């Protein structure tokens, strides 16, 4: 059986997000009292009984089959990431095994540190741990946005910096979109590693400290970000428009190596070269 504190709000939010009229469903005998679909409508679309769907939504249905979960996902028009999240929170045995369930950051292998160093003059690179902890970086990665070398260890967390650092909105012109995506990615991570102490601590701290974080968390959005584009107002070289790729490490599933690049000949590529040259010369 999954965790009701994850299952119930997620399925309710996904029901509420659907437009019954767009799905060709009638209003019934009277005006709808809630947004989105009713439980009986989801059950009908999924081809299961109302009682069974109700038990699923309330976290009281053990051993839910793949076919039933697939049917519920189709009925709720879940995205692939949301479908995976639903599997994770309703089938605890299927959840990925975390490398560590404690609250201390995991160690980064020396070979991975060597890889970061090999890219130091050309590609900003950062290793993120559970809950977006910043565990390791190369010279360019350290100065892409926040100066990780200058930050205390406890503050080196991407989500905490985004929501709590006073300079975050200046550094990220698309702060709202970045914040929304970060929270959606954290929720996907909670689905994969529900018992990871450090991840849970980060989420709890941000829920207490940031009204913006609570606002995004309550939407129940789930997006596992492994690539995209980010705009950064770098304090040394100006605006950077970088493409990021996040690689999950097979031997350490709770770690991700993230690289940031720009098209050849673009203004951002030139500015990254300037940033690297300045760091090599000891500027800043």
Protein backbone atom coordinates (compact mmCIF):
# COMPACT_ATOMS: atom_id res chain seq x y z
CA UNK A 1 0.00 0.00 0.00
CA UNK A 2 1.31 3.47 -0.82
CA UNK A 3 1.48 6.60 1.31
CA UNK A 4 -1.97 8.22 1.58
CA UNK A 5 -0.37 11.64 2.15
CA UNK A 6 1.05 11.36 -1.38
CA UNK A 7 -1.66 9.41 -3.21
CA UNK A 8 -4.79 11.28 -2.12
CA UNK A 9 -3.76 14.87 -2.90
CA UNK A 10 -2.11 13.83 -6.16
CA UNK A 11 -5.14 12.01 -7.58
CA UNK A 12 -7.53 14.70 -6.35
CA UNK A 13 -5.43 17.38 -8.03
CA UNK A 14 -5.28 15.44 -11.29
CA UNK A 15 -9.06 14.93 -11.24
CA UNK A 16 -9.61 18.62 -10.60
CA UNK A 17 -7.31 19.60 -13.47
CA UNK A 18 -9.46 17.87 -16.10
CA UNK A 19 -12.28 19.53 -18.03
CA UNK A 20 -15.31 17.24 -18.02
CA UNK A 21 -16.90 19.02 -20.98
CA UNK A 22 -13.75 18.63 -23.06
CA UNK A 23 -13.88 14.89 -22.37
CA UNK A 24 -17.51 14.74 -23.52
CA UNK A 25 -18.89 14.06 -20.04
CA UNK A 26 -22.33 15.46 -19.14
CA UNK A 27 -23.02 17.61 -16.09
CA UNK A 28 -25.59 15.15 -14.84
CA UNK A 29 -28.71 16.23 -12.98
CA UNK A 30 -27.28 19.44 -11.66
CA UNK A 31 -24.36 21.84 -11.71
CA UNK A 32 -21.01 20.35 -10.72
CA UNK A 33 -20.10 20.97 -7.11
CA UNK A 34 -16.37 20.42 -7.65
CA UNK A 35 -13.88 21.22 -10.40
CA UNK A 36 -12.87 18.51 -12.81
CA UNK A 37 -14.03 14.92 -12.76
CA UNK A 38 -15.97 13.08 -10.09
CA UNK A 39 -14.64 9.82 -8.72
CA UNK A 40 -17.37 7.85 -10.47
CA UNK A 41 -16.39 9.41 -13.80
CA UNK A 42 -12.73 8.47 -13.37
CA UNK A 43 -13.80 4.96 -12.41
CA UNK A 44 -16.01 4.68 -15.49
CA UNK A 45 -13.25 5.93 -17.78
CA UNK A 46 -10.80 3.48 -16.19
CA UNK A 47 -13.23 0.56 -16.36
CA UNK A 48 -13.16 -0.17 -12.63
CA UNK A 49 -15.75 0.11 -9.86
CA UNK A 50 -16.28 3.37 -8.02
CA UNK A 51 -15.50 1.60 -4.73
CA UNK A 52 -12.17 0.33 -6.06
CA UNK A 53 -11.15 3.74 -7.43
CA UNK A 54 -12.15 5.35 -4.12
CA UNK A 55 -9.92 2.92 -2.23
CA UNK A 56 -7.04 3.69 -4.62
CA UNK A 57 -7.46 7.42 -4.14
CA UNK A 58 -7.66 7.04 -0.37
CA UNK A 59 -4.54 4.87 -0.27
CA UNK A 60 -6.46 1.81 0.93
CA UNK A 61 -5.96 -0.48 -2.09
CA UNK A 62 -3.09 -2.97 -1.68
CA UNK A 63 -1.38 -4.74 -4.59
CA UNK A 64 -2.78 -2.62 -7.41
CA UNK A 65 -2.05 -4.28 -10.74
CA UNK A 66 -0.14 -2.60 -13.55
CA UNK A 67 -3.19 -2.82 -15.81
CA UNK A 68 -5.37 -0.96 -13.30
CA UNK A 69 -2.76 1.75 -12.79
CA UNK A 70 -2.41 2.10 -16.55
CA UNK A 71 -6.18 2.46 -16.86
CA UNK A 72 -6.31 5.12 -14.13
CA UNK A 73 -3.42 6.97 -15.77
CA UNK A 74 -5.26 6.98 -19.10
CA UNK A 75 -8.49 8.13 -17.47
CA UNK A 76 -6.71 11.02 -15.77
CA UNK A 77 -4.67 11.87 -18.91
CA UNK A 78 -1.42 11.58 -16.95
CA UNK A 79 1.86 12.49 -18.57
CA UNK A 80 4.62 9.83 -18.62
CA UNK A 81 6.29 11.48 -15.60
CA UNK A 82 2.98 11.61 -13.70
CA UNK A 83 2.29 7.97 -14.62
CA UNK A 84 5.69 6.95 -13.21
CA UNK A 85 5.02 8.97 -10.07
CA UNK A 86 1.66 7.24 -9.62
CA UNK A 87 3.37 3.83 -9.87
CA UNK A 88 6.00 4.89 -7.35
CA UNK A 89 3.57 6.15 -4.71
CA UNK A 90 1.09 3.27 -5.05
CA UNK A 91 3.57 0.43 -5.44
CA UNK A 92 6.30 0.94 -2.81
CA UNK A 93 8.08 -2.25 -3.86
CA UNK A 94 8.67 -0.76 -7.32
CA UNK A 95 10.32 2.38 -6.02
CA UNK A 96 13.96 2.89 -6.85
CA UNK A 97 16.43 1.93 -4.17
CA UNK A 98 18.26 4.94 -2.84
CA UNK A 99 21.97 4.82 -2.29
CA UNK A 100 21.51 6.27 1.17
CA UNK A 101 18.46 6.97 3.29
CA UNK A 102 20.29 9.15 5.80
CA UNK A 103 20.48 12.90 6.14
CA UNK A 104 24.18 13.31 5.37
CA UNK A 105 25.26 14.02 1.76
CA UNK A 106 26.65 11.03 -0.15
CA UNK A 107 30.28 11.00 -1.23
CA UNK A 108 31.22 11.69 -4.84
CA UNK A 109 33.59 9.13 -6.35
CA UNK A 110 37.11 10.36 -7.24
CA UNK A 111 36.58 9.25 -10.85
CA UNK A 112 33.59 11.54 -11.13
CA UNK A 113 35.60 14.43 -9.71
CA UNK A 114 38.23 13.76 -12.37
CA UNK A 115 35.53 14.01 -15.04
CA UNK A 116 34.43 17.38 -13.65
CA UNK A 117 38.02 18.62 -13.73
CA UNK A 118 38.44 17.44 -17.33
CA UNK A 119 35.59 19.76 -18.35
CA UNK A 120 36.67 22.63 -16.13
CA UNK A 121 37.73 25.07 -18.88
CA UNK A 122 34.95 24.40 -21.36
CA UNK A 123 31.78 22.97 -19.80
CA UNK A 124 30.22 24.04 -16.50
CA UNK A 125 29.31 20.85 -14.63
CA UNK A 126 27.73 20.13 -11.26
CA UNK A 127 26.87 16.95 -9.37
CA UNK A 128 23.56 17.15 -7.54
CA UNK A 129 22.49 14.85 -4.75
CA UNK A 130 19.16 14.10 -3.08
CA UNK A 131 16.95 17.15 -2.68
CA UNK A 132 19.16 19.15 -5.11
CA UNK A 133 22.15 19.27 -2.78
CA UNK A 134 25.18 20.59 -4.67
CA UNK A 135 27.84 17.97 -3.96
CA UNK A 136 30.62 18.73 -6.44
CA UNK A 137 31.40 21.16 -9.26
CA UNK A 138 34.15 22.33 -11.56
CA UNK A 139 35.50 25.87 -11.87
CA UNK A 140 32.93 27.01 -14.42
CA UNK A 141 30.08 25.28 -12.63
CA UNK A 142 30.99 27.09 -9.42
CA UNK A 143 30.53 30.51 -11.01
CA UNK A 144 27.66 29.90 -13.42
CA UNK A 145 25.16 31.52 -11.06
CA UNK A 146 25.87 31.26 -7.34
CA UNK A 147 29.48 31.10 -6.21
CA UNK A 148 29.48 27.67 -4.57
CA UNK A 149 33.08 28.07 -3.41
CA UNK A 150 32.04 31.07 -1.31
CA UNK A 151 28.89 29.50 0.14
CA UNK A 152 28.81 27.60 3.45
CA UNK A 153 28.28 23.87 2.94
CA UNK A 154 24.78 23.93 4.44
CA UNK A 155 23.64 26.52 1.88
CA UNK A 156 24.80 24.57 -1.17
CA UNK A 157 21.40 23.35 -2.25
CA UNK A 158 19.87 24.45 -5.56
CA UNK A 159 16.24 24.49 -4.38
CA UNK A 160 17.02 26.35 -1.15
CA UNK A 161 19.08 28.92 -3.04
CA UNK A 162 16.33 29.40 -5.61
CA UNK A 163 13.62 30.03 -3.02
CA UNK A 164 15.53 31.58 -0.12
CA UNK A 165 18.56 33.45 -1.46
CA UNK A 166 17.93 37.22 -1.86
CA UNK A 167 19.70 37.33 -5.24
CA UNK A 168 17.82 34.42 -6.83
CA UNK A 169 15.26 36.47 -8.75
CA UNK A 170 17.99 38.72 -10.15
CA UNK A 171 20.08 35.74 -11.23
CA UNK A 172 17.18 33.97 -12.92
CA UNK A 173 15.03 36.20 -15.18
CA UNK A 174 12.58 33.29 -15.58
CA UNK A 175 12.42 32.71 -11.84
CA UNK A 176 8.75 31.69 -11.77
CA UNK A 177 9.21 28.99 -14.43
CA UNK A 178 12.42 27.75 -12.80
CA UNK A 179 10.76 27.57 -9.39
CA UNK A 180 7.75 25.70 -10.74
CA UNK A 181 9.98 23.20 -12.57
CA UNK A 182 12.23 22.70 -9.54
CA UNK A 183 9.29 21.83 -7.29
CA UNK A 184 7.83 19.47 -9.89
CA UNK A 185 11.21 17.73 -10.14
CA UNK A 186 11.45 17.46 -6.34
CA UNK A 187 8.04 15.80 -6.23
CA UNK A 188 9.18 13.28 -8.86
CA UNK A 189 12.24 12.60 -6.70
CA UNK A 190 10.08 12.06 -3.62
CA UNK A 191 8.20 9.42 -5.61
CA UNK A 192 11.45 7.61 -6.41
CA UNK A 193 13.06 7.94 -2.96
CA UNK A 194 10.20 8.41 -0.45
CA UNK A 195 12.25 7.39 2.56
CA UNK A 196 15.36 9.45 1.87
CA UNK A 197 15.98 11.52 4.97
CA UNK A 198 17.87 14.37 3.30
CA UNK A 199 15.27 14.77 0.56
CA UNK A 200 12.42 14.85 3.07
CA UNK A 201 14.28 17.40 5.18
CA UNK A 202 14.78 19.77 2.23
CA UNK A 203 11.10 19.59 1.27
CA UNK A 204 9.97 20.17 4.88
CA UNK A 205 12.35 23.10 5.36
CA UNK A 206 11.16 24.80 2.18
CA UNK A 207 7.51 24.24 3.02
CA UNK A 208 8.08 26.03 6.31
CA UNK A 209 10.29 28.83 4.96
CA UNK A 210 8.76 29.75 1.60
CA UNK A 211 5.18 30.60 0.71
CA UNK A 212 6.15 30.36 -2.97
CA UNK A 213 7.40 26.83 -2.46
CA UNK A 214 4.15 25.86 -0.72
CA UNK A 215 2.17 27.38 -3.58
CA UNK A 216 3.96 25.26 -6.18
CA UNK A 217 4.05 22.12 -4.01
CA UNK A 218 0.28 22.17 -3.57
CA UNK A 219 -0.30 21.99 -7.35
CA UNK A 220 0.94 18.36 -7.25
CA UNK A 221 2.78 18.82 -10.58
CA UNK A 222 5.33 16.14 -11.46
CA UNK A 223 8.06 16.66 -14.07
CA UNK A 224 11.34 14.76 -14.05
CA UNK A 225 13.67 17.35 -15.59
CA UNK A 226 16.61 15.80 -17.41
CA UNK A 227 17.20 18.52 -20.01
CA UNK A 228 16.12 22.02 -20.89
CA UNK A 229 17.18 25.63 -21.37
CA UNK A 230 17.94 28.10 -18.60
CA UNK A 231 18.59 31.84 -18.62
CA UNK A 232 21.06 33.17 -16.05
CA UNK A 233 22.14 36.73 -15.35
CA UNK A 234 25.75 35.97 -14.56
CA UNK A 235 27.20 38.78 -12.40
CA UNK A 236 30.54 38.67 -14.25
CA UNK A 237 29.75 38.24 -17.95
CA UNK A 238 26.05 39.04 -18.32
CA UNK A 239 23.14 36.97 -19.60
CA UNK A 240 23.77 33.30 -20.36
CA UNK A 241 21.31 31.07 -22.21
CA UNK A 242 22.50 27.55 -21.52
CA UNK A 243 21.23 24.09 -22.38
CA UNK A 244 21.40 21.68 -19.48
CA UNK A 245 21.54 17.90 -19.57
CA UNK A 246 21.12 15.89 -16.36
CA UNK A 247 22.57 12.38 -16.34
CA UNK A 248 21.49 9.90 -13.68
CA UNK A 249 24.45 7.78 -12.57
CA UNK A 250 23.60 4.06 -12.83
CA UNK A 251 25.66 3.04 -9.81
CA UNK A 252 24.37 5.97 -7.73
CA UNK A 253 20.72 6.56 -8.68
CA UNK A 254 20.26 9.46 -6.26
CA UNK A 255 23.08 11.46 -7.89
CA UNK A 256 22.92 13.42 -11.15
CA UNK A 257 25.67 14.95 -13.25
CA UNK A 258 24.41 18.14 -14.89
CA UNK A 259 26.25 19.89 -17.72
CA UNK A 260 25.56 23.35 -19.17
CA UNK A 261 26.47 24.19 -22.76
CA UNK A 262 25.69 26.70 -25.49
CA UNK A 263 25.57 26.48 -29.31
CA UNK A 264 28.88 27.04 -31.02
CA UNK A 265 29.31 30.67 -32.05
CA UNK A 266 26.50 31.92 -29.81
CA UNK A 267 26.90 34.93 -27.50
CA UNK A 268 26.61 32.58 -24.52
CA UNK A 269 29.48 30.40 -25.76
CA UNK A 270 31.67 33.50 -26.02
CA UNK A 271 30.66 34.63 -22.54
CA UNK A 272 31.46 31.21 -21.11
CA UNK A 273 34.90 31.49 -22.68
CA UNK A 274 35.33 34.91 -21.08
CA UNK A 275 34.23 33.53 -17.74
CA UNK A 276 36.70 30.65 -18.02
CA UNK A 277 39.50 33.02 -19.04
CA UNK A 278 38.78 35.28 -16.09
CA UNK A 279 38.82 32.37 -13.67
CA UNK A 280 42.07 31.06 -15.15
CA UNK A 281 43.62 34.47 -14.67
CA UNK A 282 42.41 34.64 -11.10
CA UNK A 283 39.94 37.47 -11.79
CA UNK A 284 37.06 37.76 -9.36
